[in-house]
Amino acid sequence: METFDTGIIEKIVDKNNVLVRVLTKGECSSCASKEGCGISLIADKNNLIEAKYNEEIKIGDKVNIIINSRNRIISSLLLFVFPIISLIIFYLIGNYLFKNEILSILSSLTGLVLAFFILYFLTKYNKKFQDFKPSVTKIKN
């Protein structure tokens, strides 16, 4: 199952990517969880996201923003589980090497920071992670 939201094309970045302004729904404006819900999780503070497209689109077009559920689950696991596993592994390594609680904790925090750096560079520079971008389809009038 795929997740849908709507937006308006703000800018055509290149031949495969566009910048889309996510349209918030009226009922979302009064919700306390609106910042951590749906597409807003990946949108920047101006409600803009970069998405893939493969059909004729121009600036100002209203589009559906589609996120594949499989990609959402995998990216959630990478973002939330990988750092925790890294934290635990680095704690255990630090505890084994140093036999000191403070150094073990510092080692685990190093593992956590390292995990986020790895995720950042993987998503920024690895072409396989481009498949995790949302895609857009033009809404037919």
C-alpha atoms as a PDB file:
ATOM      1  CA  MET A   1       0.000   0.000   0.000  1.00  0.00           C
ATOM      2  CA  GLU A   2       1.210   3.481  -0.801  1.00  0.00           C
ATOM      3  CA  THR A   3       0.775   6.715   1.100  1.00  0.00           C
ATOM      4  CA  PHE A   4      -0.744   9.665  -0.723  1.00  0.00           C
ATOM      5  CA  ASP A   5      -0.652  13.363  -0.010  1.00  0.00           C
ATOM      6  CA  THR A   6      -1.079  16.364  -2.263  1.00  0.00           C
ATOM      7  CA  GLY A   7       1.238  19.191  -3.165  1.00  0.00           C
ATOM      8  CA  ILE A   8       2.075  21.852  -5.724  1.00  0.00           C
ATOM      9  CA  ILE A   9       5.194  21.855  -7.901  1.00  0.00           C
ATOM     10  CA  GLU A  10       7.439  24.742  -6.790  1.00  0.00           C
ATOM     11  CA  LYS A  11      10.573  24.080  -8.824  1.00  0.00           C
ATOM     12  CA  ILE A  12      11.905  21.584 -11.346  1.00  0.00           C
ATOM     13  CA  VAL A  13      15.311  20.612  -9.931  1.00  0.00           C
ATOM     14  CA  ASP A  14      16.502  18.444 -12.846  1.00  0.00           C
ATOM     15  CA  LYS A  15      15.094  15.996 -15.389  1.00  0.00           C
ATOM     16  CA  ASN A  16      14.107  13.493 -12.657  1.00  0.00           C
ATOM     17  CA  ASN A  17      13.415  15.580  -9.527  1.00  0.00           C
ATOM     18  CA  VAL A  18      11.048  18.342  -8.502  1.00  0.00           C
ATOM     19  CA  LEU A  19      10.564  20.425  -5.382  1.00  0.00           C
ATOM     20  CA  VAL A  20       7.002  20.073  -4.074  1.00  0.00           C
ATOM     21  CA  ARG A  21       5.202  22.181  -1.482  1.00  0.00           C
ATOM     22  CA  VAL A  22       3.086  19.828   0.624  1.00  0.00           C
ATOM     23  CA  LEU A  23      -0.469  21.058   1.084  1.00  0.00           C
ATOM     24  CA  THR A  24      -1.680  20.682   4.638  1.00  0.00           C
ATOM     25  CA  LYS A  25      -5.228  19.608   5.156  1.00  0.00           C
ATOM     26  CA  GLY A  26      -7.635  21.836   7.076  1.00  0.00           C
ATOM     27  CA  GLU A  27      -8.157  19.302   9.838  1.00  0.00           C
ATOM     28  CA  CYS A  28      -4.377  19.122  10.391  1.00  0.00           C
ATOM     29  CA  SER A  29      -4.030  22.751  11.438  1.00  0.00           C
ATOM     30  CA  SER A  30      -5.435  22.195  14.928  1.00  0.00           C
ATOM     31  CA  CYS A  31      -3.810  18.798  15.526  1.00  0.00           C
ATOM     32  CA  ALA A  32      -1.052  18.567  18.137  1.00  0.00           C
ATOM     33  CA  SER A  33       0.701  15.806  16.133  1.00  0.00           C
ATOM     34  CA  LYS A  34       0.767  17.614  12.784  1.00  0.00           C
ATOM     35  CA  GLU A  35       4.586  17.961  12.818  1.00  0.00           C
ATOM     36  CA  GLY A  36       5.129  14.219  13.171  1.00  0.00           C
ATOM     37  CA  CYS A  37       2.520  12.885  10.804  1.00  0.00           C
ATOM     38  CA  GLY A  38       2.582  11.694   7.201  1.00  0.00           C
ATOM     39  CA  ILE A  39       4.637  13.584   4.637  1.00  0.00           C
ATOM     40  CA  SER A  40       5.462  16.342   7.136  1.00  0.00           C
ATOM     41  CA  LEU A  41       8.008  13.953   8.657  1.00  0.00           C
ATOM     42  CA  ILE A  42      10.224  14.310   5.592  1.00  0.00           C
ATOM     43  CA  ALA A  43       9.322  17.860   4.562  1.00  0.00           C
ATOM     44  CA  ASP A  44      11.519  20.772   5.562  1.00  0.00           C
ATOM     45  CA  LYS A  45      10.324  23.717   7.673  1.00  0.00           C
ATOM     46  CA  ASN A  46       8.787  25.344   4.564  1.00  0.00           C
ATOM     47  CA  ASN A  47       6.806  22.172   3.795  1.00  0.00           C
ATOM     48  CA  LEU A  48       9.015  21.424   0.773  1.00  0.00           C
ATOM     49  CA  ILE A  49      10.214  17.979  -0.283  1.00  0.00           C
ATOM     50  CA  GLU A  50      12.202  16.741  -3.236  1.00  0.00           C
ATOM     51  CA  ALA A  51      10.452  14.031  -5.208  1.00  0.00           C
ATOM     52  CA  LYS A  52      10.948  11.990  -8.377  1.00  0.00           C
ATOM     53  CA  TYR A  53       8.761  12.404 -11.417  1.00  0.00           C
ATOM     54  CA  ASN A  54       8.525  10.713 -14.795  1.00  0.00           C
ATOM     55  CA  GLU A  55       5.710  12.484 -16.600  1.00  0.00           C
ATOM     56  CA  GLU A  56       5.162  15.934 -18.075  1.00  0.00           C
ATOM     57  CA  ILE A  57       4.937  18.338 -15.129  1.00  0.00           C
ATOM     58  CA  LYS A  58       5.251  22.104 -14.894  1.00  0.00           C
ATOM     59  CA  ILE A  59       5.551  24.598 -12.041  1.00  0.00           C
ATOM     60  CA  GLY A  60       2.202  25.180 -10.349  1.00  0.00           C
ATOM     61  CA  ASP A  61       0.750  21.740 -11.160  1.00  0.00           C
ATOM     62  CA  LYS A  62      -1.145  20.015  -8.365  1.00  0.00           C
ATOM     63  CA  VAL A  63       0.263  16.531  -7.735  1.00  0.00           C
ATOM     64  CA  ASN A  64      -0.184  13.450  -5.582  1.00  0.00           C
ATOM     65  CA  ILE A  65       2.891  12.675  -3.487  1.00  0.00           C
ATOM     66  CA  ILE A  66       3.392   8.921  -3.241  1.00  0.00           C
ATOM     67  CA  ILE A  67       5.542   7.060  -0.735  1.00  0.00           C
ATOM     68  CA  ASN A  68       5.888   3.328  -1.176  1.00  0.00           C
ATOM     69  CA  SER A  69       5.096   1.495   2.098  1.00  0.00           C
ATOM     70  CA  ARG A  70       8.050  -0.869   1.709  1.00  0.00           C
ATOM     71  CA  ASN A  71      10.407   2.102   1.393  1.00  0.00           C
ATOM     72  CA  ARG A  72       8.795   3.765   4.397  1.00  0.00           C
ATOM     73  CA  ILE A  73       9.366   0.677   6.562  1.00  0.00           C
ATOM     74  CA  ILE A  74      12.975   0.198   5.427  1.00  0.00           C
ATOM     75  CA  SER A  75      13.845   3.860   5.920  1.00  0.00           C
ATOM     76  CA  SER A  76      12.205   3.838   9.369  1.00  0.00           C
ATOM     77  CA  LEU A  77      14.264   0.808  10.360  1.00  0.00           C
ATOM     78  CA  LEU A  78      17.437   2.471   9.116  1.00  0.00           C
ATOM     79  CA  LEU A  79      16.677   5.721  10.885  1.00  0.00           C
ATOM     80  CA  PHE A  80      15.470   4.350  14.220  1.00  0.00           C
ATOM     81  CA  VAL A  81      16.875   0.825  14.668  1.00  0.00           C
ATOM     82  CA  PHE A  82      20.362   1.107  13.118  1.00  0.00           C
ATOM     83  CA  PRO A  83      21.523   3.892  15.509  1.00  0.00           C
ATOM     84  CA  ILE A  84      20.232   1.985  18.553  1.00  0.00           C
ATOM     85  CA  ILE A  85      21.992  -1.208  17.461  1.00  0.00           C
ATOM     86  CA  SER A  86      25.157   0.824  16.850  1.00  0.00           C
ATOM     87  CA  LEU A  87      24.839   2.387  20.307  1.00  0.00           C
ATOM     88  CA  ILE A  88      24.538  -1.034  21.969  1.00  0.00           C
ATOM     89  CA  ILE A  89      27.386  -2.612  19.977  1.00  0.00           C
ATOM     90  CA  PHE A  90      29.752   0.277  20.706  1.00  0.00           C
ATOM     91  CA  TYR A  91      28.822   0.127  24.392  1.00  0.00           C
ATOM     92  CA  LEU A  92      29.624  -3.595  24.524  1.00  0.00           C
ATOM     93  CA  ILE A  93      32.914  -3.065  22.659  1.00  0.00           C
ATOM     94  CA  GLY A  94      33.824  -0.173  24.978  1.00  0.00           C
ATOM     95  CA  ASN A  95      32.941  -2.220  28.029  1.00  0.00           C
ATOM     96  CA  TYR A  96      35.034  -5.161  26.797  1.00  0.00           C
ATOM     97  CA  LEU A  97      38.053  -2.998  25.912  1.00  0.00           C
ATOM     98  CA  PHE A  98      38.080  -0.470  28.740  1.00  0.00           C
ATOM     99  CA  LYS A  99      36.275  -2.191  31.642  1.00  0.00           C
ATOM    100  CA  ASN A 100      35.175   1.302  32.682  1.00  0.00           C
ATOM    101  CA  GLU A 101      31.567   2.503  32.712  1.00  0.00           C
ATOM    102  CA  ILE A 102      32.305   6.126  31.720  1.00  0.00           C
ATOM    103  CA  LEU A 103      34.481   5.090  28.764  1.00  0.00           C
ATOM    104  CA  SER A 104      31.838   2.535  27.730  1.00  0.00           C
ATOM    105  CA  ILE A 105      29.183   5.246  27.690  1.00  0.00           C
ATOM    106  CA  LEU A 106      31.442   7.570  25.687  1.00  0.00           C
ATOM    107  CA  SER A 107      32.110   4.701  23.288  1.00  0.00           C
ATOM    108  CA  SER A 108      28.369   4.103  22.842  1.00  0.00           C
ATOM    109  CA  LEU A 109      27.755   7.799  22.142  1.00  0.00           C
ATOM    110  CA  THR A 110      30.553   7.675  19.567  1.00  0.00           C
ATOM    111  CA  GLY A 111      28.769   4.733  17.944  1.00  0.00           C
ATOM    112  CA  LEU A 112      25.525   6.671  17.875  1.00  0.00           C
ATOM    113  CA  VAL A 113      27.119   9.705  16.223  1.00  0.00           C
ATOM    114  CA  LEU A 114      28.952   7.440  13.779  1.00  0.00           C
ATOM    115  CA  ALA A 115      25.678   5.721  12.849  1.00  0.00           C
ATOM    116  CA  PHE A 116      24.041   9.050  11.990  1.00  0.00           C
ATOM    117  CA  PHE A 117      27.066  10.091   9.907  1.00  0.00           C
ATOM    118  CA  ILE A 118      26.924   6.778   8.046  1.00  0.00           C
ATOM    119  CA  LEU A 119      23.204   7.237   7.368  1.00  0.00           C
ATOM    120  CA  TYR A 120      23.755  10.820   6.227  1.00  0.00           C
ATOM    121  CA  PHE A 121      26.490   9.913   3.754  1.00  0.00           C
ATOM    122  CA  LEU A 122      24.668   6.800   2.522  1.00  0.00           C
ATOM    123  CA  THR A 123      21.505   8.738   1.738  1.00  0.00           C
ATOM    124  CA  LYS A 124      23.340  11.743   0.307  1.00  0.00           C
ATOM    125  CA  TYR A 125      25.841   9.989  -1.957  1.00  0.00           C
ATOM    126  CA  ASN A 126      24.560   6.472  -2.627  1.00  0.00           C
ATOM    127  CA  LYS A 127      22.403   6.205  -5.766  1.00  0.00           C
ATOM    128  CA  LYS A 128      20.461   3.212  -4.361  1.00  0.00           C
ATOM    129  CA  PHE A 129      18.913   5.471  -1.736  1.00  0.00           C
ATOM    130  CA  GLN A 130      17.432   7.703  -4.455  1.00  0.00           C
ATOM    131  CA  ASP A 131      14.733   5.008  -4.773  1.00  0.00           C
ATOM    132  CA  PHE A 132      13.529   5.982  -1.306  1.00  0.00           C
ATOM    133  CA  LYS A 133      12.472   9.425  -2.502  1.00  0.00           C
ATOM    134  CA  PRO A 134       8.755  10.034  -2.827  1.00  0.00           C
ATOM    135  CA  SER A 135       7.382  10.241  -6.342  1.00  0.00           C
ATOM    136  CA  VAL A 136       4.707  12.509  -7.771  1.00  0.00           C
ATOM    137  CA  THR A 137       1.905  12.036 -10.271  1.00  0.00           C
ATOM    138  CA  LYS A 138      -0.074  14.854 -11.787  1.00  0.00           C
ATOM    139  CA  ILE A 139      -3.677  15.177 -10.639  1.00  0.00           C
ATOM    140  CA  LYS A 140      -5.997  15.044 -13.616  1.00  0.00           C
ATOM    141  CA  ASN A 141      -8.596  17.824 -13.688  1.00  0.00           C
END
